[in-house]
Structures are given as structure tokens and as C-alpha cells.
């Protein structure tokens, strides 16, 4: 059985282009060493329909049986990454092929190659990503994307205990550092032996281009600084965004904000996220055009979006960069007490921006979402953050991906939705269930809007109502609300430019 599994895994590598035919024996021997096996007889087996997930499971089960690894998802993930790396080309070979395709066939063909390789190598575990729940919800702002993330594995108690007792390491400094490439991993840091990075130059400095292992949307990529340096939104940010978009015009690229609450999950390492996907925000129209003195050649306007977004367009990206810097500097120091916007309180700065760059035809385009992270006693997690009555669905920060209209909701919601469906259809008391009690007010409220909720429609209704909550979450994050009063306050800032 072991020999058959090894033969199938090598054949998989050859079939998908990871492993050249001339390395069949070499790769077989590498896998035998991983499995601590000395013998091989080249068994006869069916190679017509190889399912990677099944082959890896067989090899992992055998590794557990032989005492090579402990039987937990953390140790299995560390070991199957090691197995997959035996099939993969070296980084230099990947870079050489990427650059050759880029120069001869263009950027889109190059990213197609790299994305497919990242999936085939199991760096992106496609069989897990497929388990994520996804749907769309129609709103006044367009079609929002809703996902419940199930692809990140839950840590098991054994691994949590091992990580707690493990020697603390500062290598790699974080999961975005370039030192992750080829790293074997440990109980508190994922294995990245099958990980490959494409070096790129933006703003005359060394950066890396890779894909997210938890692709939330098509070709979800990460572009990160070659140095472990904190995120900062400044003029150079806009330069970097457009340097990338000029090299890969079929991709958008954006940055999380650089302050807590309104920022992303990793503020310690300067990075961007991008990809080949059209979000609802990109499709949203301009509701109010304006011109900034000295920048008459740049088209500017307020976007119809729950967050407060300014869109800039011009054929010359340098002019957009100049105006974006002007807007950023103005916003950093802007206070409007009537609109409850304070540049700082007690020496703590509150205003920043979430920027997203793209190419639209022959125009460069930059969206600037205005952010503010002020807190109050009423809203201790943030005034422009999901409010408490929405935390039963979404409590986490609203980062770049969600700013653009894609909800990344916690995995707990899958089980809670299944339970909610049962309770609603069968008229059970939600408040009697500790896990569902937090949803009771919400369910009572939306149930009034439906003549009938039964087994045939309850799941669809729950999905749409969750989507509506996400829309409200985004509205909470908007510093200017979509009302006449909100637009008037927004224009006060615009006119200050």
C-alpha cells in the first residue's frame, strides 16, 4: 500500500508539471526517505484517476502507524507539506520559468502559471478551500460576497499544548517574512516547504509576490516587503501600489490601514493584498463628482458605498499619487466635531486610509476609503467598527477585503446556522441554547418579514439575513453615513482640500 501511494504521488507530480519525468526515480527515493522505507518494487497500480487528498491521507495514515508523526491535524499538515516539497521545483527554477513566461507571453500568462503551481503543490489546499461556504446578497450598494472561512484548520488540544511548551522562536519573525520559503514549520508556525516566492521590485526596493494559502477570492495574492518593517500609509504606499499594477495590470492591489481597529491582522509587516477579482466596490458608481484645485486633470468623486470612499482616475498615475498624498495629509489632520471625526485625542492619532489601486482601460484608478479608529464608552471597540448588536455575526476588524465588499465570517457560523435552521423551523426557544442565545433578537426581528419559514427556505433566508447584517457592518465602518447629512459632512472635508 505504501509503495502504491508513493508511486501515485510521484505520478501526480509528473501529471501536473511539478516533477519532470526524468526525476521520477529521484523523487521516489526522496519520498521513501521521508517515510523511512528502504525497499521499493515499482508496484502495478491504477494511475488513471489520482486524487491528491486521498493519496496524502494514505501516506499520513502510514506515517502515524510507523510512529513518524503524531496523529493530529497540525502534525499531519507539517508532514504532508514536507512530502509535497519532494515533488516541487527549486525556487530558482520557478522564478526562471515565471520570468520567461512574463517576458514571452505576458503578465497574465505568468500569474496563471504561478497560481496553478501554488495549487498543484498543495500550498493552496484546494480541497479545503472548497469547503468554505460562499454566497451573495443583493443590497443598495450592489452584490456583496459572503464567505464563512472553513479552510484554516482548527488547532487540536495536543498541538496547542505542544506549541505552549515549545521554545519560542523569532525565526521567521512573522508569517509574511521572506524567510518562510522552504521553512519546515513547527507546532506554532505553519510549514512552508512547498512555498515559492517571486521576487519583484516596487518603489526601487525588493518585495515578494506570492498567493494566500487561504484564497478568499480568485488569485488572492500577497505582495510583501523583503524587510520585516511595519505597515505605514504614506506617499510611498501609493507609488508601490501603482508600480505593481503597472507590472500586473490585470490585478488590483490594496493595502490595509495602518492603525489598530481599522487595520488588518498583521500590522508588523508592510504588505498588500491583490488578485484577479472584481469586487462590488469596484462596480459601485460615483454619486458626487468634484474637482480639487491644482488637480483639474484628475477625475475625483464620492463612491456610492457603505464606507466613505473617494475615487481618483487619471491616465497619469503620478498625478493620482500627488493628489492621494494631498488627501491623505489633509485627512490625517482633519477634525469635524459635528460629524464626530477627531484627528486625535489625548495624543492618539485616529485618521488613516485604506487604498486600492487598479487599471481600468487606459485609466489608472485609486479608491481611498477614509478610516477613523476612535473609541468611546458606548463603543469601546471602535465607533466606526461593527457595533455590539452585530457582533453575533461579525465582531472582528473590517480590513481591506471586507472594505471592498467580501465578508470573511468566522467558522463558528456554519454550525450555528445549522442549529438555527433546526430551531426556527421547529419553533424551539433560541434563548434556551447558550450558543444560539446571541442570535435570538435578530431572528425575532427578521422573522416578521416572512410569511412562511420552513425547511424548504430557512437556509436561504439565513444566508440573506447574514448578508444584510454584513451590509450594516460596513455601514458602521463608514465615517460618513449615506444620508443627506452624511454627504453634507463628507463634502465639508472635500471642500477643505
Protein backbone atom coordinates (compact mmCIF):
# COMPACT_ATOMS: atom_id res chain seq x y z
CA UNK A 1 0.00 0.00 0.00
CA UNK A 2 2.81 2.45 0.89
CA UNK A 3 4.63 1.80 -2.37
CA UNK A 4 1.43 2.31 -4.35
CA UNK A 5 0.80 5.62 -2.59
CA UNK A 6 4.34 6.81 -3.30
CA UNK A 7 4.04 5.83 -6.95
CA UNK A 8 0.71 7.69 -7.22
CA UNK A 9 2.12 10.82 -5.59
CA UNK A 10 5.11 10.87 -7.95
CA UNK A 11 2.78 10.34 -10.92
CA UNK A 12 0.60 13.22 -9.66
CA UNK A 13 3.68 15.47 -9.63
CA UNK A 14 4.55 14.46 -13.19
CA UNK A 15 0.95 14.86 -14.44
CA UNK A 16 0.61 18.43 -13.18
CA UNK A 17 4.06 19.59 -14.21
CA UNK A 18 5.67 19.86 -10.78
CA UNK A 19 8.06 16.97 -11.39
CA UNK A 20 9.81 16.23 -14.71
CA UNK A 21 9.68 12.63 -15.95
CA UNK A 22 13.48 12.40 -15.72
CA UNK A 23 13.20 12.90 -11.93
CA UNK A 24 10.77 10.02 -11.33
CA UNK A 25 13.29 7.77 -9.58
CA UNK A 26 14.94 10.65 -7.70
CA UNK A 27 11.57 11.85 -6.35
CA UNK A 28 10.53 8.31 -5.43
CA UNK A 29 13.70 7.96 -3.37
CA UNK A 30 13.10 11.27 -1.60
CA UNK A 31 9.62 10.10 -0.58
CA UNK A 32 10.94 6.71 0.56
CA UNK A 33 13.38 8.53 2.85
CA UNK A 34 10.56 10.68 4.27
CA UNK A 35 8.56 7.54 5.02
CA UNK A 36 11.63 5.77 6.49
CA UNK A 37 11.30 2.95 3.96
CA UNK A 38 14.30 1.18 2.33
CA UNK A 39 12.53 -1.08 -0.17
CA UNK A 40 10.71 -0.31 -3.42
CA UNK A 41 9.45 -2.71 -6.11
CA UNK A 42 7.60 -0.36 -8.50
CA UNK A 43 4.10 -1.84 -7.92
CA UNK A 44 1.37 -2.19 -10.53
CA UNK A 45 -1.50 0.15 -9.67
CA UNK A 46 -4.18 2.24 -11.33
CA UNK A 47 -2.76 5.69 -12.12
CA UNK A 48 -5.72 6.89 -14.17
CA UNK A 49 -7.59 8.90 -11.53
CA UNK A 50 -5.26 10.16 -8.81
CA UNK A 51 -6.93 12.25 -6.08
CA UNK A 52 -4.24 14.14 -4.17
CA UNK A 53 -6.21 14.42 -0.92
CA UNK A 54 -6.75 10.64 -0.83
CA UNK A 55 -3.11 9.80 -1.62
CA UNK A 56 -1.82 12.17 1.05
CA UNK A 57 -4.26 10.74 3.59
CA UNK A 58 -2.96 7.22 2.92
CA UNK A 59 0.64 8.38 3.35
CA UNK A 60 -0.18 10.32 6.53
CA UNK A 61 -2.04 7.34 8.00
CA UNK A 62 1.03 5.21 7.28
CA UNK A 63 3.34 7.83 8.84
CA UNK A 64 1.20 7.76 12.00
CA UNK A 65 1.24 3.96 12.02
CA UNK A 66 5.05 3.94 11.73
CA UNK A 67 5.42 6.48 14.54
CA UNK A 68 6.94 9.10 12.23
CA UNK A 69 4.33 11.69 13.27
CA UNK A 70 1.65 12.10 15.92
CA UNK A 71 -1.95 11.71 14.83
CA UNK A 72 -3.18 15.32 14.82
CA UNK A 73 -4.04 17.78 12.07
CA UNK A 74 -1.11 20.06 12.99
CA UNK A 75 1.49 17.29 12.65
CA UNK A 76 -0.21 15.92 9.56
CA UNK A 77 -0.07 19.37 7.92
CA UNK A 78 3.62 19.73 8.77
CA UNK A 79 4.39 16.32 7.30
CA UNK A 80 2.29 16.42 4.12
CA UNK A 81 3.95 19.76 3.28
CA UNK A 82 7.31 18.00 3.56
CA UNK A 83 6.04 15.25 1.25
CA UNK A 84 4.76 17.73 -1.34
CA UNK A 85 8.05 19.61 -1.37
CA UNK A 86 9.75 16.48 -2.70
CA UNK A 87 7.72 16.97 -5.91
CA UNK A 88 8.33 20.70 -6.28
CA UNK A 89 10.90 22.53 -8.40
CA UNK A 90 13.52 24.63 -6.60
CA UNK A 91 12.76 28.35 -6.13
CA UNK A 92 15.27 29.41 -8.81
CA UNK A 93 13.54 27.17 -11.37
CA UNK A 94 10.11 28.65 -10.53
CA UNK A 95 11.44 32.21 -10.78
CA UNK A 96 13.18 31.49 -14.09
CA UNK A 97 10.04 29.97 -15.60
CA UNK A 98 7.81 32.79 -14.28
CA UNK A 99 10.09 35.45 -15.77
CA UNK A 100 10.37 33.59 -19.07
CA UNK A 101 6.57 33.35 -19.40
CA UNK A 102 6.18 37.01 -18.33
CA UNK A 103 8.66 38.20 -20.97
CA UNK A 104 7.39 35.98 -23.79
CA UNK A 105 3.66 35.60 -23.14
CA UNK A 106 2.80 38.48 -20.81
CA UNK A 107 1.91 39.04 -17.14
CA UNK A 108 -1.43 37.21 -17.17
CA UNK A 109 0.13 34.01 -18.53
CA UNK A 110 2.87 34.29 -15.89
CA UNK A 111 0.43 34.61 -13.00
CA UNK A 112 -1.68 31.76 -14.44
CA UNK A 113 1.41 29.53 -14.29
CA UNK A 114 2.31 30.59 -10.73
CA UNK A 115 -1.24 30.31 -9.39
CA UNK A 116 -1.71 26.83 -10.87
CA UNK A 117 1.65 25.76 -9.45
CA UNK A 118 0.69 27.08 -6.00
CA UNK A 119 -2.48 24.97 -6.11
CA UNK A 120 -0.89 21.86 -7.62
CA UNK A 121 1.86 21.91 -4.99
CA UNK A 122 -0.83 21.90 -2.25
CA UNK A 123 0.49 25.20 -0.88
CA UNK A 124 -3.09 26.30 -1.58
CA UNK A 125 -5.08 23.35 -0.27
CA UNK A 126 -7.89 23.50 -2.82
CA UNK A 127 -9.81 20.61 -1.22
CA UNK A 128 -10.08 22.69 1.98
CA UNK A 129 -10.87 25.98 0.26
CA UNK A 130 -13.78 24.23 -1.49
CA UNK A 131 -15.34 23.64 1.94
CA UNK A 132 -15.71 27.40 2.55
CA UNK A 133 -19.35 28.47 2.40
CA UNK A 134 -19.96 31.20 -0.19
CA UNK A 135 -23.00 33.12 -1.38
CA UNK A 136 -24.02 36.61 -2.48
CA UNK A 137 -26.52 39.13 -1.12
CA UNK A 138 -28.15 41.94 -3.08
CA UNK A 139 -28.03 45.34 -1.35
CA UNK A 140 -28.50 49.01 -2.22
CA UNK A 141 -24.74 49.11 -2.85
CA UNK A 142 -24.61 46.14 -5.22
CA UNK A 143 -23.96 42.43 -4.81
CA UNK A 144 -21.93 41.66 -1.68
CA UNK A 145 -19.89 38.45 -1.40
CA UNK A 146 -20.33 36.45 1.81
CA UNK A 147 -17.95 33.68 2.90
CA UNK A 148 -17.63 31.56 6.01
CA UNK A 149 -13.99 30.57 6.23
CA UNK A 150 -13.51 26.84 6.87
CA UNK A 151 -10.13 26.34 5.16
CA UNK A 152 -7.95 27.33 8.12
CA UNK A 153 -7.61 24.14 10.19
CA UNK A 154 -8.65 24.26 13.82
CA UNK A 155 -5.75 23.52 16.17
CA UNK A 156 -6.22 20.39 18.25
CA UNK A 157 -5.53 20.29 22.02
CA UNK A 158 -2.31 18.27 21.61
CA UNK A 159 -0.80 20.79 19.22
CA UNK A 160 -1.92 23.74 21.36
CA UNK A 161 -0.19 22.18 24.38
CA UNK A 162 2.95 21.43 22.35
CA UNK A 163 3.04 24.99 20.99
CA UNK A 164 2.71 26.38 24.52
CA UNK A 165 5.62 24.29 25.74
CA UNK A 166 7.75 24.78 22.64
CA UNK A 167 10.80 27.03 22.72
CA UNK A 168 9.78 30.48 21.47
CA UNK A 169 11.43 31.36 18.19
CA UNK A 170 11.83 34.68 16.40
CA UNK A 171 12.51 32.93 13.09
CA UNK A 172 10.75 33.67 10.82
CA UNK A 173 9.70 36.92 12.51
CA UNK A 174 6.15 36.56 11.10
CA UNK A 175 4.20 34.57 8.52
CA UNK A 176 4.83 37.22 5.84
CA UNK A 177 8.63 37.23 6.07
CA UNK A 178 10.64 36.04 3.08
CA UNK A 179 12.34 33.52 5.41
CA UNK A 180 9.17 31.39 5.30
CA UNK A 181 10.09 29.99 1.88
CA UNK A 182 11.16 26.38 2.46
CA UNK A 183 10.68 26.57 6.24
CA UNK A 184 9.73 23.21 7.78
CA UNK A 185 7.35 24.78 10.31
CA UNK A 186 6.61 23.87 13.90
CA UNK A 187 3.54 23.48 16.10
CA UNK A 188 3.11 27.27 16.35
CA UNK A 189 4.17 28.18 12.80
CA UNK A 190 2.89 26.61 9.55
CA UNK A 191 5.16 24.58 7.29
CA UNK A 192 6.15 26.38 4.10
CA UNK A 193 8.47 23.88 2.41
CA UNK A 194 6.31 23.84 -0.74
CA UNK A 195 6.03 27.65 -0.71
CA UNK A 196 7.56 29.66 -3.56
CA UNK A 197 8.01 33.44 -3.86
CA UNK A 198 8.52 35.57 -6.97
CA UNK A 199 10.89 38.50 -6.29
CA UNK A 200 9.66 41.81 -7.70
CA UNK A 201 10.86 45.41 -7.50
CA UNK A 202 8.47 48.15 -6.45
CA UNK A 203 9.47 51.67 -5.45
CA UNK A 204 13.10 50.66 -6.14
CA UNK A 205 13.07 48.12 -3.32
CA UNK A 206 12.91 44.33 -3.02
CA UNK A 207 9.48 42.82 -2.49
CA UNK A 208 7.98 39.35 -2.78
CA UNK A 209 4.90 38.17 -4.68
CA UNK A 210 3.02 35.07 -3.55
CA UNK A 211 -0.51 33.73 -3.17
CA UNK A 212 -2.53 33.46 0.01
CA UNK A 213 -2.86 29.82 1.11
CA UNK A 214 -6.47 30.60 2.13
CA UNK A 215 -7.61 32.18 -1.17
CA UNK A 216 -10.75 34.16 -0.29
CA UNK A 217 -11.27 35.11 -3.95
CA UNK A 218 -9.75 34.34 -7.35
CA UNK A 219 -5.93 34.58 -7.41
CA UNK A 220 -5.80 36.18 -3.96
CA UNK A 221 -2.19 37.33 -3.82
CA UNK A 222 0.06 38.92 -1.22
CA UNK A 223 2.81 41.38 -2.06
CA UNK A 224 5.17 41.90 0.87
CA UNK A 225 8.25 43.91 1.77
CA UNK A 226 11.52 41.97 1.69
CA UNK A 227 12.30 43.53 5.08
CA UNK A 228 10.28 42.96 8.26
CA UNK A 229 9.11 46.55 8.62
CA UNK A 230 5.78 47.89 9.97
CA UNK A 231 2.92 48.97 7.73
CA UNK A 232 2.57 52.69 7.10
CA UNK A 233 0.22 54.56 4.79
CA UNK A 234 2.19 57.36 3.11
CA UNK A 235 3.04 58.70 -0.34
CA UNK A 236 5.35 55.71 -0.96
CA UNK A 237 2.34 53.40 -0.42
CA UNK A 238 0.60 54.84 -3.48
CA UNK A 239 3.82 54.62 -5.52
CA UNK A 240 4.20 50.93 -4.60
CA UNK A 241 0.57 50.13 -5.45
CA UNK A 242 0.86 51.61 -8.93
CA UNK A 243 4.33 50.13 -9.54
CA UNK A 244 2.71 46.72 -9.03
CA UNK A 245 -0.41 47.49 -11.10
CA UNK A 246 1.80 48.65 -13.98
CA UNK A 247 3.61 45.30 -13.92
CA UNK A 248 0.39 43.28 -13.48
CA UNK A 249 -2.42 45.39 -14.99
CA UNK A 250 -4.96 42.53 -14.73
CA UNK A 251 -4.64 42.60 -10.91
CA UNK A 252 -5.87 45.12 -8.34
CA UNK A 253 -3.71 45.80 -5.30
CA UNK A 254 -4.70 47.36 -1.99
CA UNK A 255 -3.42 47.98 1.50
CA UNK A 256 -4.95 47.59 4.91
CA UNK A 257 -5.00 50.72 7.02
CA UNK A 258 -2.04 51.29 9.34
CA UNK A 259 -3.86 51.79 12.66
CA UNK A 260 -5.33 49.28 15.14
CA UNK A 261 -9.09 48.55 14.93
CA UNK A 262 -9.35 49.75 11.30
CA UNK A 263 -6.18 47.92 10.21
CA UNK A 264 -5.57 44.34 9.15
CA UNK A 265 -4.40 41.40 11.23
CA UNK A 266 -0.66 41.85 10.55
CA UNK A 267 0.43 45.46 11.05
CA UNK A 268 4.03 44.48 11.87
CA UNK A 269 4.99 43.66 8.26
CA UNK A 270 4.43 46.02 5.33
CA UNK A 271 2.32 44.18 2.76
CA UNK A 272 -0.51 44.47 0.25
CA UNK A 273 -3.25 42.13 -0.99
CA UNK A 274 -4.48 41.88 -4.55
CA UNK A 275 -5.77 39.49 -7.15
CA UNK A 276 -7.79 38.86 -10.27
CA UNK A 277 -11.26 39.59 -8.98
CA UNK A 278 -13.89 42.32 -9.36
CA UNK A 279 -15.40 43.32 -6.02
CA UNK A 280 -18.71 45.11 -5.54
CA UNK A 281 -16.87 48.30 -4.56
CA UNK A 282 -15.13 48.45 -7.94
CA UNK A 283 -18.53 48.25 -9.67
CA UNK A 284 -20.06 50.95 -7.43
CA UNK A 285 -20.83 54.25 -9.21
CA UNK A 286 -19.79 57.80 -8.36
CA UNK A 287 -22.61 59.71 -6.67
CA UNK A 288 -20.89 63.10 -6.41
CA UNK A 289 -18.09 64.34 -8.65
CA UNK A 290 -15.73 67.09 -7.51
CA UNK A 291 -12.52 68.79 -8.58
CA UNK A 292 -9.56 69.65 -6.39
CA UNK A 293 -7.78 72.90 -7.22
CA UNK A 294 -4.48 72.21 -8.93
CA UNK A 295 -5.62 68.72 -9.91
CA UNK A 296 -8.19 69.53 -12.59
CA UNK A 297 -6.76 66.73 -14.77
CA UNK A 298 -7.70 64.09 -12.15
CA UNK A 299 -11.31 62.92 -12.10
CA UNK A 300 -12.49 62.69 -8.49
CA UNK A 301 -15.74 61.65 -6.85
CA UNK A 302 -17.50 60.10 -3.87
CA UNK A 303 -18.43 56.45 -4.40
CA UNK A 304 -21.87 55.04 -3.60
CA UNK A 305 -20.61 52.67 -0.92
CA UNK A 306 -21.31 51.99 2.77
CA UNK A 307 -17.79 53.10 3.69
CA UNK A 308 -16.67 56.63 2.85
CA UNK A 309 -14.70 56.27 -0.38
CA UNK A 310 -13.10 58.81 -2.73
CA UNK A 311 -12.25 57.55 -6.25
CA UNK A 312 -9.49 59.13 -8.35
CA UNK A 313 -8.92 58.46 -12.06
CA UNK A 314 -6.28 59.68 -14.50
CA UNK A 315 -4.15 58.38 -17.37
CA UNK A 316 -1.07 59.55 -15.47
CA UNK A 317 -0.71 57.63 -12.21
CA UNK A 318 1.80 60.21 -10.91
CA UNK A 319 -0.95 62.82 -10.78
CA UNK A 320 -3.16 60.42 -8.81
CA UNK A 321 -0.27 59.79 -6.41
CA UNK A 322 0.19 63.54 -5.88
CA UNK A 323 -3.50 64.08 -5.18
CA UNK A 324 -3.75 60.97 -2.97
CA UNK A 325 -0.87 62.27 -0.86
CA UNK A 326 -2.66 65.63 -0.55
CA UNK A 327 -5.91 63.91 0.52
CA UNK A 328 -4.07 61.62 2.99
CA UNK A 329 -2.25 64.53 4.64
CA UNK A 330 -5.46 66.55 4.84
CA UNK A 331 -7.40 63.62 6.33
CA UNK A 332 -4.67 62.81 8.89
CA UNK A 333 -5.14 66.28 10.41
CA UNK A 334 -8.89 66.70 9.82
CA UNK A 335 -11.35 67.25 12.67
CA UNK A 336 -15.09 67.87 12.33
CA UNK A 337 -16.71 67.70 15.74
CA UNK A 338 -20.22 67.98 14.28
CA UNK A 339 -19.58 64.74 12.34
CA UNK A 340 -17.77 63.15 15.32
CA UNK A 341 -14.45 62.99 13.47
CA UNK A 342 -11.35 63.76 15.52
CA UNK A 343 -7.85 63.68 14.07
CA UNK A 344 -6.52 62.84 17.53
CA UNK A 345 -7.50 62.65 21.18
CA UNK A 346 -5.03 62.65 24.07
CA UNK A 347 -2.15 62.47 21.58
CA UNK A 348 -3.52 59.33 19.85
CA UNK A 349 -3.97 59.74 16.09
CA UNK A 350 -7.22 58.37 14.61
CA UNK A 351 -7.42 59.14 10.88
CA UNK A 352 -5.97 56.95 8.15
CA UNK A 353 -6.87 55.50 4.75
CA UNK A 354 -7.44 52.09 3.13
CA UNK A 355 -6.23 52.48 -0.51
CA UNK A 356 -6.97 50.20 -3.51
CA UNK A 357 -5.31 50.66 -6.94
CA UNK A 358 -6.31 49.18 -10.28
CA UNK A 359 -6.19 49.77 -14.04
CA UNK A 360 -9.49 50.45 -15.79
CA UNK A 361 -8.98 50.53 -19.54
CA UNK A 362 -6.34 53.18 -20.22
CA UNK A 363 -7.01 54.89 -16.87
CA UNK A 364 -5.30 54.33 -13.56
CA UNK A 365 -7.74 54.30 -10.65
CA UNK A 366 -7.31 54.66 -6.90
CA UNK A 367 -10.03 54.24 -4.26
CA UNK A 368 -9.36 55.85 -0.87
CA UNK A 369 -11.57 54.61 1.97
CA UNK A 370 -11.45 57.12 4.84
CA UNK A 371 -10.99 55.38 8.21
CA UNK A 372 -11.10 56.51 11.85
CA UNK A 373 -10.39 54.34 14.89
CA UNK A 374 -11.75 56.47 17.74
CA UNK A 375 -13.40 54.63 20.67
CA UNK A 376 -15.97 55.72 23.26
CA UNK A 377 -17.55 54.20 26.36
CA UNK A 378 -20.57 53.30 24.23
CA UNK A 379 -18.38 51.76 21.51
CA UNK A 380 -15.18 50.55 23.25
CA UNK A 381 -14.12 48.52 20.20
CA UNK A 382 -14.50 51.50 17.87
CA UNK A 383 -17.17 53.98 16.80
CA UNK A 384 -16.51 53.10 13.14
CA UNK A 385 -16.33 49.36 13.80
CA UNK A 386 -19.11 46.70 13.85
CA UNK A 387 -21.46 47.79 16.64
CA UNK A 388 -22.30 45.46 19.53
CA UNK A 389 -25.72 44.37 18.22
CA UNK A 390 -23.96 42.92 15.11
CA UNK A 391 -21.23 41.03 16.98
CA UNK A 392 -23.26 37.81 16.93
CA UNK A 393 -22.35 37.67 13.22
CA UNK A 394 -19.19 39.80 12.92
CA UNK A 395 -17.03 41.25 15.68
CA UNK A 396 -13.61 41.33 14.01
CA UNK A 397 -11.89 44.30 12.34
CA UNK A 398 -13.02 45.41 8.89
CA UNK A 399 -9.88 45.06 6.79
CA UNK A 400 -9.12 45.56 3.11
CA UNK A 401 -11.03 42.55 1.75
CA UNK A 402 -14.22 43.45 3.61
CA UNK A 403 -13.88 47.15 2.76
CA UNK A 404 -14.22 46.05 -0.89
CA UNK A 405 -17.39 44.03 -0.20
CA UNK A 406 -16.39 40.47 0.69
CA UNK A 407 -17.31 39.22 4.17
CA UNK A 408 -14.92 36.79 5.81
CA UNK A 409 -17.06 35.41 8.62
CA UNK A 410 -15.93 33.11 11.46
CA UNK A 411 -16.18 29.34 11.03
CA UNK A 412 -18.43 29.02 14.11
CA UNK A 413 -21.31 30.38 12.00
CA UNK A 414 -21.56 27.19 9.93
CA UNK A 415 -22.61 25.09 12.91
CA UNK A 416 -24.70 27.89 14.34
CA UNK A 417 -26.60 28.29 11.05
CA UNK A 418 -27.39 24.58 11.01
CA UNK A 419 -28.68 24.76 14.58
CA UNK A 420 -30.59 27.98 13.89
CA UNK A 421 -32.36 26.37 10.94
CA UNK A 422 -33.49 23.50 13.16
CA UNK A 423 -34.66 25.78 15.99
CA UNK A 424 -36.50 28.19 13.70
CA UNK A 425 -38.31 25.51 11.67
CA UNK A 426 -39.30 23.53 14.77
CA UNK A 427 -40.23 26.54 16.90
CA UNK A 428 -37.63 25.85 19.60
CA UNK A 429 -36.58 28.52 22.10
CA UNK A 430 -33.30 30.07 20.92
CA UNK A 431 -32.71 31.60 24.34
CA UNK A 432 -32.52 28.13 25.86
CA UNK A 433 -29.38 27.36 23.81
CA UNK A 434 -26.18 29.01 25.03
CA UNK A 435 -24.61 29.07 21.54
CA UNK A 436 -27.73 30.47 19.84
CA UNK A 437 -28.98 32.88 22.51
CA UNK A 438 -26.99 35.76 20.97
CA UNK A 439 -28.95 35.38 17.71
CA UNK A 440 -32.43 35.47 19.31
CA UNK A 441 -33.23 39.20 18.94
CA UNK A 442 -32.01 39.17 15.33
CA UNK A 443 -34.10 36.11 14.38
CA UNK A 444 -37.21 37.53 16.06
CA UNK A 445 -36.78 40.77 14.12
CA UNK A 446 -36.24 39.37 10.61
CA UNK A 447 -38.85 36.61 11.01
CA UNK A 448 -41.58 39.28 10.93
CA UNK A 449 -40.67 39.98 7.29
CA UNK A 450 -41.54 36.48 6.05
CA UNK A 451 -44.99 34.94 5.66
CA UNK A 452 -43.53 31.47 5.88
CA UNK A 453 -40.23 29.99 7.08
CA UNK A 454 -39.91 26.23 6.76
CA UNK A 455 -37.35 23.57 5.86
CA UNK A 456 -37.52 24.50 2.17
CA UNK A 457 -36.43 28.14 2.57
CA UNK A 458 -34.86 28.57 6.00
CA UNK A 459 -31.24 28.18 4.83
CA UNK A 460 -31.67 30.70 2.02
CA UNK A 461 -33.31 33.17 4.40
CA UNK A 462 -30.48 32.80 6.94
CA UNK A 463 -27.88 33.42 4.23
CA UNK A 464 -29.63 36.57 3.00
CA UNK A 465 -30.17 37.92 6.51
CA UNK A 466 -26.49 37.33 7.35
CA UNK A 467 -25.62 39.22 4.17
CA UNK A 468 -27.81 42.13 5.31
CA UNK A 469 -26.00 42.16 8.66
CA UNK A 470 -22.68 42.38 6.82
CA UNK A 471 -24.01 45.38 4.91
CA UNK A 472 -24.84 47.03 8.25
CA UNK A 473 -21.34 46.16 9.49
CA UNK A 474 -19.87 48.05 6.53
CA UNK A 475 -22.17 50.99 7.19
CA UNK A 476 -20.87 51.09 10.78
CA UNK A 477 -17.34 51.40 9.37
CA UNK A 478 -18.27 54.39 7.22
CA UNK A 479 -17.13 57.65 8.83
CA UNK A 480 -19.79 59.50 6.81
CA UNK A 481 -23.21 57.84 6.66
CA UNK A 482 -25.21 57.54 3.44
CA UNK A 483 -27.69 60.23 4.36
CA UNK A 484 -28.13 63.84 3.24
CA UNK A 485 -26.47 64.93 6.47
CA UNK A 486 -23.62 62.44 5.96
CA UNK A 487 -22.99 63.58 2.38
CA UNK A 488 -23.03 67.20 3.51
CA UNK A 489 -20.38 66.41 6.15
CA UNK A 490 -18.35 64.44 3.57
CA UNK A 491 -18.41 67.47 1.28
CA UNK A 492 -17.08 69.65 4.11
CA UNK A 493 -13.93 67.54 4.04
CA UNK A 494 -13.81 67.55 0.23
CA UNK A 495 -14.13 71.34 0.17
CA UNK A 496 -11.28 71.63 2.67
CA UNK A 497 -8.98 70.08 0.08
